[in-house]
Amino acid sequence: MSSPTPLPQNLIRVQSPLGGLELTGDDDEVFSLAIIRNGHLPFEGLPEAPNPLLRRAAEQLTEYFAGDRVSFDVPVRLSRGTEFQQSVWRGLAAIPFGGHLSYGELGRSIGKSGAGRAIGGAVGANPAPILVGCHRVLASNGRITGFSAGEGIPTKQWLLRHERIEYVG
């Protein structure tokens, strides 16, 4: 039996073209970014408790969606996963706005060739989509194979179009 998700000490919500976003963190790092899914956010019953870092992250997301920002400079906690997941998340963080990699290329970039399925699982476990661009990973043939944030593939398609990243429909 897994332990329940701890309640966040700081929380802010942002409206976006994808619907509501919810960010959690502390004074030093953003812990998570959730995109509304089936009309719900993970901590929707809790009141907002913003802090300066989460306000800055919300402002940067608003700029990103407006087309005025191509990178984020808020620190994101990527240390709450296995060593393998952390290496994948660091690889994701290195993919620039408008760029993309295949799962195989991402694996090779972190020294884990042939770990495609495990790479896919780690990409799907990314705690802060958009801030850490997991939407920039496609199948080797350019297809979208899935997306675990927001409403899934339609959310990923929107993000790819926003960044003018070509993909096979």
N, C-alpha and C. Protein backbone atom coordinates (compact mmCIF):
# COMPACT_ATOMS: atom_id res chain seq x y z
N MET A 1 0.83 -1.17 0.00
CA MET A 1 0.00 0.00 0.00
C MET A 1 0.89 1.24 0.00
N SER A 2 0.66 2.16 -0.93
CA SER A 2 1.50 3.35 -1.01
C SER A 2 0.99 4.41 -0.05
N SER A 3 1.92 5.27 0.36
CA SER A 3 1.53 6.34 1.27
C SER A 3 0.82 7.43 0.50
N PRO A 4 -0.10 8.15 1.15
CA PRO A 4 -0.82 9.20 0.45
C PRO A 4 0.10 10.34 0.07
N THR A 5 -0.27 11.07 -0.98
CA THR A 5 0.50 12.22 -1.40
C THR A 5 0.45 13.27 -0.32
N PRO A 6 1.62 13.77 0.12
CA PRO A 6 1.59 14.79 1.16
C PRO A 6 0.95 16.08 0.64
N LEU A 7 0.31 16.81 1.53
CA LEU A 7 -0.29 18.07 1.13
C LEU A 7 0.81 19.08 0.86
N PRO A 8 0.67 19.86 -0.20
CA PRO A 8 1.71 20.84 -0.53
C PRO A 8 1.69 22.01 0.46
N GLN A 9 2.89 22.53 0.76
CA GLN A 9 2.92 23.70 1.63
C GLN A 9 2.61 24.96 0.85
N ASN A 10 2.94 24.99 -0.45
CA ASN A 10 2.62 26.14 -1.29
C ASN A 10 1.95 25.64 -2.56
N LEU A 11 0.97 26.41 -3.03
CA LEU A 11 0.13 25.99 -4.15
C LEU A 11 -0.37 27.24 -4.88
N ILE A 12 -0.33 27.19 -6.20
CA ILE A 12 -0.90 28.27 -7.01
C ILE A 12 -1.55 27.66 -8.23
N ARG A 13 -2.61 28.29 -8.69
CA ARG A 13 -3.30 27.84 -9.90
C ARG A 13 -3.21 28.94 -10.96
N VAL A 14 -3.15 28.48 -12.21
CA VAL A 14 -3.00 29.38 -13.35
C VAL A 14 -3.96 28.91 -14.43
N GLN A 15 -4.61 29.85 -15.10
CA GLN A 15 -5.41 29.49 -16.27
C GLN A 15 -4.51 29.52 -17.49
N SER A 16 -4.74 28.60 -18.42
CA SER A 16 -3.94 28.50 -19.64
C SER A 16 -4.84 28.06 -20.78
N PRO A 17 -4.32 28.09 -22.00
CA PRO A 17 -5.09 27.56 -23.13
C PRO A 17 -5.41 26.07 -22.97
N LEU A 18 -4.69 25.37 -22.10
CA LEU A 18 -4.94 23.95 -21.85
C LEU A 18 -5.95 23.74 -20.73
N GLY A 19 -6.39 24.83 -20.11
CA GLY A 19 -7.25 24.76 -18.94
C GLY A 19 -6.44 25.10 -17.70
N GLY A 20 -6.95 24.72 -16.55
CA GLY A 20 -6.28 25.04 -15.30
C GLY A 20 -4.98 24.28 -15.11
N LEU A 21 -4.01 24.97 -14.54
CA LEU A 21 -2.75 24.38 -14.14
C LEU A 21 -2.62 24.56 -12.63
N GLU A 22 -1.94 23.64 -12.00
CA GLU A 22 -1.74 23.72 -10.56
C GLU A 22 -0.26 23.43 -10.28
N LEU A 23 0.39 24.36 -9.60
CA LEU A 23 1.80 24.20 -9.25
C LEU A 23 1.95 24.10 -7.75
N THR A 24 2.86 23.22 -7.32
CA THR A 24 3.19 23.11 -5.91
C THR A 24 4.69 23.28 -5.75
N GLY A 25 5.10 23.64 -4.55
CA GLY A 25 6.52 23.79 -4.28
C GLY A 25 6.77 24.39 -2.93
N ASP A 26 8.02 24.79 -2.73
CA ASP A 26 8.39 25.50 -1.51
C ASP A 26 9.13 26.76 -1.94
N ASP A 27 9.89 27.36 -1.05
CA ASP A 27 10.57 28.60 -1.39
C ASP A 27 11.74 28.40 -2.33
N ASP A 28 12.19 27.14 -2.50
CA ASP A 28 13.38 26.86 -3.29
C ASP A 28 13.13 26.18 -4.63
N GLU A 29 12.06 25.36 -4.72
CA GLU A 29 11.84 24.58 -5.94
C GLU A 29 10.35 24.38 -6.21
N VAL A 30 10.02 24.27 -7.50
CA VAL A 30 8.70 23.82 -7.91
C VAL A 30 8.73 22.30 -7.80
N PHE A 31 7.73 21.72 -7.12
CA PHE A 31 7.68 20.27 -6.96
C PHE A 31 6.89 19.61 -8.07
N SER A 32 5.78 20.25 -8.49
CA SER A 32 4.91 19.62 -9.48
C SER A 32 4.15 20.66 -10.27
N LEU A 33 3.77 20.26 -11.46
CA LEU A 33 2.86 21.03 -12.30
C LEU A 33 1.84 20.03 -12.82
N ALA A 34 0.58 20.26 -12.51
CA ALA A 34 -0.50 19.40 -13.01
C ALA A 34 -1.36 20.20 -13.98
N ILE A 35 -1.79 19.53 -15.03
CA ILE A 35 -2.71 20.11 -16.01
C ILE A 35 -4.07 19.46 -15.78
N ILE A 36 -5.10 20.27 -15.79
CA ILE A 36 -6.44 19.75 -15.50
C ILE A 36 -6.73 18.51 -16.34
N ARG A 37 -7.31 17.51 -15.73
CA ARG A 37 -7.64 16.24 -16.39
C ARG A 37 -9.06 15.86 -15.98
N ASN A 38 -9.90 15.66 -16.97
CA ASN A 38 -11.30 15.31 -16.71
C ASN A 38 -11.96 16.29 -15.75
N GLY A 39 -11.59 17.56 -15.89
CA GLY A 39 -12.21 18.62 -15.08
C GLY A 39 -11.68 18.75 -13.67
N HIS A 40 -10.59 18.04 -13.35
CA HIS A 40 -10.09 18.07 -11.97
C HIS A 40 -8.59 18.31 -11.90
N LEU A 41 -8.17 18.92 -10.79
CA LEU A 41 -6.77 19.11 -10.44
C LEU A 41 -6.50 18.36 -9.14
N PRO A 42 -5.27 17.91 -8.91
CA PRO A 42 -4.99 17.07 -7.73
C PRO A 42 -5.36 17.69 -6.39
N PHE A 43 -5.14 18.99 -6.22
CA PHE A 43 -5.37 19.61 -4.92
C PHE A 43 -6.48 20.66 -4.99
N GLU A 44 -7.46 20.44 -5.86
CA GLU A 44 -8.50 21.46 -6.09
C GLU A 44 -9.29 21.83 -4.85
N GLY A 45 -9.33 20.96 -3.85
CA GLY A 45 -10.07 21.27 -2.63
C GLY A 45 -9.31 22.16 -1.67
N LEU A 46 -8.02 22.38 -1.95
CA LEU A 46 -7.21 23.20 -1.06
C LEU A 46 -7.17 24.65 -1.53
N PRO A 47 -7.09 25.58 -0.59
CA PRO A 47 -6.94 26.98 -1.00
C PRO A 47 -5.53 27.22 -1.53
N GLU A 48 -5.42 28.21 -2.39
CA GLU A 48 -4.10 28.57 -2.89
C GLU A 48 -3.26 29.12 -1.74
N ALA A 49 -1.98 28.84 -1.80
CA ALA A 49 -1.01 29.35 -0.84
C ALA A 49 0.25 29.68 -1.63
N PRO A 50 0.18 30.75 -2.44
CA PRO A 50 1.32 31.07 -3.30
C PRO A 50 2.50 31.62 -2.51
N ASN A 51 3.66 31.53 -3.12
CA ASN A 51 4.87 32.14 -2.59
C ASN A 51 5.57 32.81 -3.78
N PRO A 52 6.64 33.56 -3.56
CA PRO A 52 7.29 34.26 -4.68
C PRO A 52 7.74 33.34 -5.81
N LEU A 53 8.29 32.15 -5.48
CA LEU A 53 8.76 31.24 -6.53
C LEU A 53 7.60 30.76 -7.39
N LEU A 54 6.50 30.34 -6.77
CA LEU A 54 5.36 29.86 -7.56
C LEU A 54 4.72 31.00 -8.35
N ARG A 55 4.72 32.21 -7.82
CA ARG A 55 4.22 33.36 -8.60
C ARG A 55 5.09 33.58 -9.83
N ARG A 56 6.42 33.46 -9.65
CA ARG A 56 7.33 33.62 -10.79
C ARG A 56 7.10 32.51 -11.82
N ALA A 57 6.91 31.28 -11.37
CA ALA A 57 6.63 30.18 -12.30
C ALA A 57 5.32 30.43 -13.05
N ALA A 58 4.29 30.89 -12.34
CA ALA A 58 3.00 31.18 -12.98
C ALA A 58 3.15 32.28 -14.02
N GLU A 59 3.92 33.31 -13.70
CA GLU A 59 4.16 34.40 -14.65
C GLU A 59 4.89 33.88 -15.89
N GLN A 60 5.90 33.03 -15.69
CA GLN A 60 6.64 32.49 -16.82
C GLN A 60 5.76 31.59 -17.68
N LEU A 61 4.88 30.83 -17.07
CA LEU A 61 3.95 30.00 -17.85
C LEU A 61 3.01 30.87 -18.66
N THR A 62 2.51 31.94 -18.08
CA THR A 62 1.64 32.86 -18.81
C THR A 62 2.37 33.44 -20.02
N GLU A 63 3.64 33.82 -19.82
CA GLU A 63 4.46 34.33 -20.93
C GLU A 63 4.67 33.27 -21.99
N TYR A 64 4.92 32.03 -21.58
CA TYR A 64 5.10 30.91 -22.52
C TYR A 64 3.85 30.74 -23.38
N PHE A 65 2.70 30.70 -22.76
CA PHE A 65 1.46 30.50 -23.51
C PHE A 65 1.15 31.69 -24.42
N ALA A 66 1.61 32.88 -24.05
CA ALA A 66 1.40 34.06 -24.89
C ALA A 66 2.39 34.10 -26.05
N GLY A 67 3.37 33.21 -26.06
CA GLY A 67 4.38 33.19 -27.12
C GLY A 67 5.54 34.11 -26.84
N ASP A 68 5.68 34.60 -25.60
CA ASP A 68 6.73 35.55 -25.25
C ASP A 68 7.89 34.92 -24.49
N ARG A 69 7.86 33.62 -24.24
CA ARG A 69 8.93 32.96 -23.48
C ARG A 69 9.20 31.60 -24.11
N VAL A 70 10.51 31.27 -24.23
CA VAL A 70 10.89 29.97 -24.80
C VAL A 70 11.68 29.10 -23.83
N SER A 71 11.95 29.62 -22.63
CA SER A 71 12.62 28.80 -21.61
C SER A 71 12.17 29.26 -20.23
N PHE A 72 12.36 28.39 -19.27
CA PHE A 72 11.97 28.67 -17.89
C PHE A 72 13.22 28.67 -17.02
N ASP A 73 13.26 29.56 -16.04
CA ASP A 73 14.42 29.60 -15.17
C ASP A 73 14.07 29.36 -13.70
N VAL A 74 12.88 28.82 -13.47
CA VAL A 74 12.52 28.47 -12.09
C VAL A 74 13.10 27.08 -11.78
N PRO A 75 13.65 26.90 -10.59
CA PRO A 75 14.19 25.59 -10.24
C PRO A 75 13.06 24.58 -10.00
N VAL A 76 13.23 23.40 -10.58
CA VAL A 76 12.25 22.33 -10.46
C VAL A 76 12.91 21.17 -9.73
N ARG A 77 12.22 20.61 -8.74
CA ARG A 77 12.76 19.46 -8.01
C ARG A 77 12.65 18.22 -8.88
N LEU A 78 13.79 17.72 -9.27
CA LEU A 78 13.83 16.50 -10.07
C LEU A 78 14.50 15.38 -9.29
N SER A 79 14.54 15.52 -7.98
CA SER A 79 15.25 14.55 -7.14
C SER A 79 14.31 13.55 -6.47
N ARG A 80 13.03 13.59 -6.81
CA ARG A 80 12.07 12.69 -6.17
C ARG A 80 11.74 11.49 -7.04
N GLY A 81 12.73 10.98 -7.70
CA GLY A 81 12.54 9.79 -8.51
C GLY A 81 13.76 8.90 -8.37
N THR A 82 13.75 7.80 -9.09
CA THR A 82 14.91 6.93 -9.08
C THR A 82 16.06 7.63 -9.80
N GLU A 83 17.25 7.10 -9.64
CA GLU A 83 18.41 7.67 -10.34
C GLU A 83 18.16 7.67 -11.85
N PHE A 84 17.57 6.59 -12.35
CA PHE A 84 17.27 6.50 -13.79
C PHE A 84 16.28 7.59 -14.20
N GLN A 85 15.18 7.74 -13.45
CA GLN A 85 14.19 8.78 -13.77
C GLN A 85 14.83 10.15 -13.76
N GLN A 86 15.65 10.41 -12.77
CA GLN A 86 16.30 11.71 -12.68
C GLN A 86 17.17 11.98 -13.90
N SER A 87 17.87 10.96 -14.39
CA SER A 87 18.71 11.15 -15.57
C SER A 87 17.84 11.44 -16.80
N VAL A 88 16.69 10.77 -16.90
CA VAL A 88 15.78 11.04 -18.02
C VAL A 88 15.24 12.46 -17.91
N TRP A 89 14.84 12.88 -16.71
CA TRP A 89 14.29 14.23 -16.54
C TRP A 89 15.32 15.30 -16.85
N ARG A 90 16.58 15.06 -16.48
CA ARG A 90 17.64 16.01 -16.84
C ARG A 90 17.79 16.06 -18.36
N GLY A 91 17.67 14.89 -19.01
CA GLY A 91 17.71 14.86 -20.47
C GLY A 91 16.56 15.64 -21.08
N LEU A 92 15.37 15.52 -20.51
CA LEU A 92 14.22 16.29 -21.00
C LEU A 92 14.47 17.78 -20.85
N ALA A 93 15.01 18.17 -19.71
CA ALA A 93 15.24 19.59 -19.43
C ALA A 93 16.22 20.20 -20.42
N ALA A 94 17.04 19.37 -21.06
CA ALA A 94 18.03 19.88 -22.01
C ALA A 94 17.46 20.06 -23.42
N ILE A 95 16.25 19.58 -23.68
CA ILE A 95 15.66 19.74 -25.02
C ILE A 95 15.11 21.16 -25.12
N PRO A 96 15.60 21.96 -26.06
CA PRO A 96 15.16 23.36 -26.13
C PRO A 96 13.76 23.52 -26.73
N PHE A 97 13.17 24.67 -26.48
CA PHE A 97 11.90 25.06 -27.08
C PHE A 97 12.00 24.82 -28.59
N GLY A 98 10.98 24.19 -29.15
CA GLY A 98 10.95 23.95 -30.60
C GLY A 98 11.76 22.75 -31.04
N GLY A 99 12.50 22.14 -30.13
CA GLY A 99 13.29 20.96 -30.47
C GLY A 99 12.57 19.69 -30.04
N HIS A 100 13.04 18.58 -30.52
CA HIS A 100 12.46 17.31 -30.10
C HIS A 100 13.49 16.19 -30.26
N LEU A 101 13.25 15.12 -29.55
CA LEU A 101 14.06 13.90 -29.65
C LEU A 101 13.12 12.71 -29.72
N SER A 102 13.63 11.62 -30.24
CA SER A 102 12.89 10.36 -30.13
C SER A 102 13.24 9.74 -28.78
N TYR A 103 12.47 8.76 -28.38
CA TYR A 103 12.77 8.05 -27.13
C TYR A 103 14.15 7.43 -27.20
N GLY A 104 14.50 6.87 -28.37
CA GLY A 104 15.83 6.27 -28.55
C GLY A 104 16.94 7.30 -28.46
N GLU A 105 16.73 8.47 -29.08
CA GLU A 105 17.74 9.53 -29.01
C GLU A 105 17.91 10.01 -27.57
N LEU A 106 16.80 10.14 -26.86
CA LEU A 106 16.88 10.54 -25.46
C LEU A 106 17.67 9.50 -24.66
N GLY A 107 17.39 8.22 -24.90
CA GLY A 107 18.13 7.16 -24.22
C GLY A 107 19.62 7.23 -24.51
N ARG A 108 19.98 7.42 -25.79
CA ARG A 108 21.40 7.52 -26.14
C ARG A 108 22.03 8.75 -25.49
N SER A 109 21.28 9.86 -25.40
CA SER A 109 21.84 11.09 -24.83
C SER A 109 22.16 10.96 -23.35
N ILE A 110 21.52 10.01 -22.67
CA ILE A 110 21.81 9.81 -21.24
C ILE A 110 22.57 8.51 -21.01
N GLY A 111 23.07 7.88 -22.09
CA GLY A 111 23.86 6.67 -21.96
C GLY A 111 23.06 5.42 -21.69
N LYS A 112 21.79 5.41 -22.11
CA LYS A 112 20.92 4.25 -21.86
C LYS A 112 20.28 3.77 -23.16
N SER A 113 21.09 3.48 -24.15
CA SER A 113 20.58 2.97 -25.43
C SER A 113 19.81 1.69 -25.19
N GLY A 114 18.76 1.50 -25.93
CA GLY A 114 17.99 0.26 -25.85
C GLY A 114 17.03 0.19 -24.67
N ALA A 115 16.87 1.29 -23.95
CA ALA A 115 15.97 1.28 -22.79
C ALA A 115 14.69 2.04 -23.11
N GLY A 116 14.22 1.93 -24.35
CA GLY A 116 13.08 2.71 -24.82
C GLY A 116 11.84 2.66 -23.94
N ARG A 117 11.45 1.46 -23.54
CA ARG A 117 10.24 1.33 -22.72
C ARG A 117 10.44 2.00 -21.35
N ALA A 118 11.60 1.79 -20.75
CA ALA A 118 11.89 2.42 -19.45
C ALA A 118 11.99 3.94 -19.61
N ILE A 119 12.56 4.38 -20.72
CA ILE A 119 12.63 5.83 -21.00
C ILE A 119 11.21 6.38 -21.05
N GLY A 120 10.33 5.69 -21.77
CA GLY A 120 8.93 6.13 -21.88
C GLY A 120 8.26 6.22 -20.52
N GLY A 121 8.51 5.25 -19.65
CA GLY A 121 7.93 5.29 -18.32
C GLY A 121 8.43 6.47 -17.51
N ALA A 122 9.73 6.76 -17.61
CA ALA A 122 10.30 7.88 -16.87
C ALA A 122 9.79 9.21 -17.43
N VAL A 123 9.65 9.31 -18.75
CA VAL A 123 9.10 10.53 -19.35
C VAL A 123 7.69 10.75 -18.82
N GLY A 124 6.89 9.69 -18.76
CA GLY A 124 5.52 9.79 -18.27
C GLY A 124 5.42 10.14 -16.80
N ALA A 125 6.49 9.90 -16.04
CA ALA A 125 6.49 10.21 -14.61
C ALA A 125 7.05 11.60 -14.30
N ASN A 126 7.36 12.37 -15.33
CA ASN A 126 7.88 13.72 -15.15
C ASN A 126 6.96 14.52 -14.23
N PRO A 127 7.49 15.05 -13.12
CA PRO A 127 6.63 15.75 -12.17
C PRO A 127 6.18 17.14 -12.60
N ALA A 128 6.85 17.71 -13.60
CA ALA A 128 6.54 19.10 -13.98
C ALA A 128 6.50 19.29 -15.48
N PRO A 129 5.49 18.68 -16.16
CA PRO A 129 5.40 18.86 -17.61
C PRO A 129 5.34 20.35 -17.95
N ILE A 130 5.70 20.67 -19.14
CA ILE A 130 5.84 22.01 -19.70
C ILE A 130 7.13 22.64 -19.17
N LEU A 131 7.27 22.78 -17.84
CA LEU A 131 8.51 23.33 -17.29
C LEU A 131 9.69 22.44 -17.65
N VAL A 132 9.49 21.13 -17.64
CA VAL A 132 10.46 20.13 -18.09
C VAL A 132 9.79 19.45 -19.28
N GLY A 133 10.24 19.80 -20.49
CA GLY A 133 9.50 19.54 -21.72
C GLY A 133 9.36 18.11 -22.19
N CYS A 134 8.62 17.30 -21.46
CA CYS A 134 8.39 15.91 -21.87
C CYS A 134 7.56 15.81 -23.15
N HIS A 135 6.83 16.87 -23.50
CA HIS A 135 6.03 16.85 -24.73
C HIS A 135 6.93 16.85 -25.97
N ARG A 136 8.21 17.11 -25.80
CA ARG A 136 9.15 17.21 -26.92
C ARG A 136 9.75 15.86 -27.31
N VAL A 137 9.23 14.77 -26.74
CA VAL A 137 9.74 13.44 -27.07
C VAL A 137 8.69 12.72 -27.92
N LEU A 138 9.12 12.23 -29.08
CA LEU A 138 8.24 11.55 -30.04
C LEU A 138 8.81 10.17 -30.37
N ALA A 139 8.01 9.35 -30.98
CA ALA A 139 8.50 8.07 -31.49
C ALA A 139 9.52 8.34 -32.60
N SER A 140 10.33 7.35 -32.93
CA SER A 140 11.37 7.55 -33.95
C SER A 140 10.79 7.91 -35.32
N ASN A 141 9.52 7.55 -35.55
CA ASN A 141 8.88 7.89 -36.82
C ASN A 141 8.13 9.22 -36.75
N GLY A 142 8.30 9.96 -35.66
CA GLY A 142 7.66 11.27 -35.52
C GLY A 142 6.25 11.23 -34.97
N ARG A 143 5.77 10.06 -34.61
CA ARG A 143 4.41 9.93 -34.08
C ARG A 143 4.36 10.20 -32.58
N ILE A 144 3.17 10.57 -32.14
CA ILE A 144 2.90 10.72 -30.72
C ILE A 144 2.45 9.36 -30.20
N THR A 145 3.14 8.87 -29.20
CA THR A 145 2.79 7.54 -28.68
C THR A 145 1.96 7.61 -27.41
N GLY A 146 1.84 8.79 -26.84
CA GLY A 146 1.06 8.95 -25.62
C GLY A 146 1.49 10.20 -24.90
N PHE A 147 0.74 10.54 -23.87
CA PHE A 147 1.08 11.68 -23.02
C PHE A 147 0.27 11.55 -21.76
N SER A 148 0.93 11.63 -20.61
CA SER A 148 0.24 11.36 -19.36
C SER A 148 -0.31 12.61 -18.68
N ALA A 149 -0.02 13.78 -19.19
CA ALA A 149 -0.48 15.02 -18.54
C ALA A 149 -1.75 15.54 -19.20
N GLY A 150 -2.52 16.27 -18.44
CA GLY A 150 -3.72 16.92 -18.97
C GLY A 150 -4.66 15.90 -19.59
N GLU A 151 -5.14 16.21 -20.78
CA GLU A 151 -6.07 15.32 -21.47
C GLU A 151 -5.35 14.37 -22.42
N GLY A 152 -4.07 14.13 -22.16
CA GLY A 152 -3.31 13.16 -22.94
C GLY A 152 -2.85 13.70 -24.27
N ILE A 153 -3.06 12.92 -25.33
CA ILE A 153 -2.54 13.26 -26.65
C ILE A 153 -3.02 14.64 -27.14
N PRO A 154 -4.29 15.04 -26.98
CA PRO A 154 -4.66 16.39 -27.41
C PRO A 154 -3.84 17.49 -26.71
N THR A 155 -3.49 17.28 -25.46
CA THR A 155 -2.65 18.24 -24.75
C THR A 155 -1.27 18.30 -25.38
N LYS A 156 -0.70 17.12 -25.66
CA LYS A 156 0.63 17.08 -26.28
C LYS A 156 0.59 17.72 -27.67
N GLN A 157 -0.45 17.45 -28.45
CA GLN A 157 -0.57 18.05 -29.78
C GLN A 157 -0.59 19.58 -29.67
N TRP A 158 -1.33 20.11 -28.71
CA TRP A 158 -1.41 21.56 -28.55
C TRP A 158 -0.02 22.12 -28.26
N LEU A 159 0.71 21.49 -27.33
CA LEU A 159 2.04 21.97 -26.97
C LEU A 159 3.01 21.88 -28.15
N LEU A 160 2.96 20.80 -28.91
CA LEU A 160 3.82 20.67 -30.08
C LEU A 160 3.50 21.75 -31.11
N ARG A 161 2.23 21.98 -31.38
CA ARG A 161 1.85 23.04 -32.33
C ARG A 161 2.30 24.41 -31.82
N HIS A 162 2.14 24.65 -30.53
CA HIS A 162 2.55 25.92 -29.94
C HIS A 162 4.03 26.18 -30.17
N GLU A 163 4.84 25.13 -30.10
CA GLU A 163 6.28 25.28 -30.29
C GLU A 163 6.71 25.03 -31.74
N ARG A 164 5.73 24.82 -32.63
CA ARG A 164 5.97 24.57 -34.05
C ARG A 164 6.87 23.35 -34.27
N ILE A 165 6.61 22.32 -33.47
CA ILE A 165 7.34 21.06 -33.63
C ILE A 165 6.48 20.15 -34.51
N GLU A 166 7.07 19.69 -35.61
CA GLU A 166 6.34 18.83 -36.53
C GLU A 166 6.25 17.42 -35.97
N TYR A 167 5.12 16.82 -36.17
CA TYR A 167 4.89 15.44 -35.76
C TYR A 167 3.96 14.79 -36.77
N VAL A 168 3.96 13.47 -36.76
CA VAL A 168 3.10 12.70 -37.67
C VAL A 168 1.77 12.45 -36.95
N GLY A 169 0.67 12.85 -37.60
CA GLY A 169 -0.67 12.70 -36.98
C GLY A 169 -1.23 11.39 -37.09
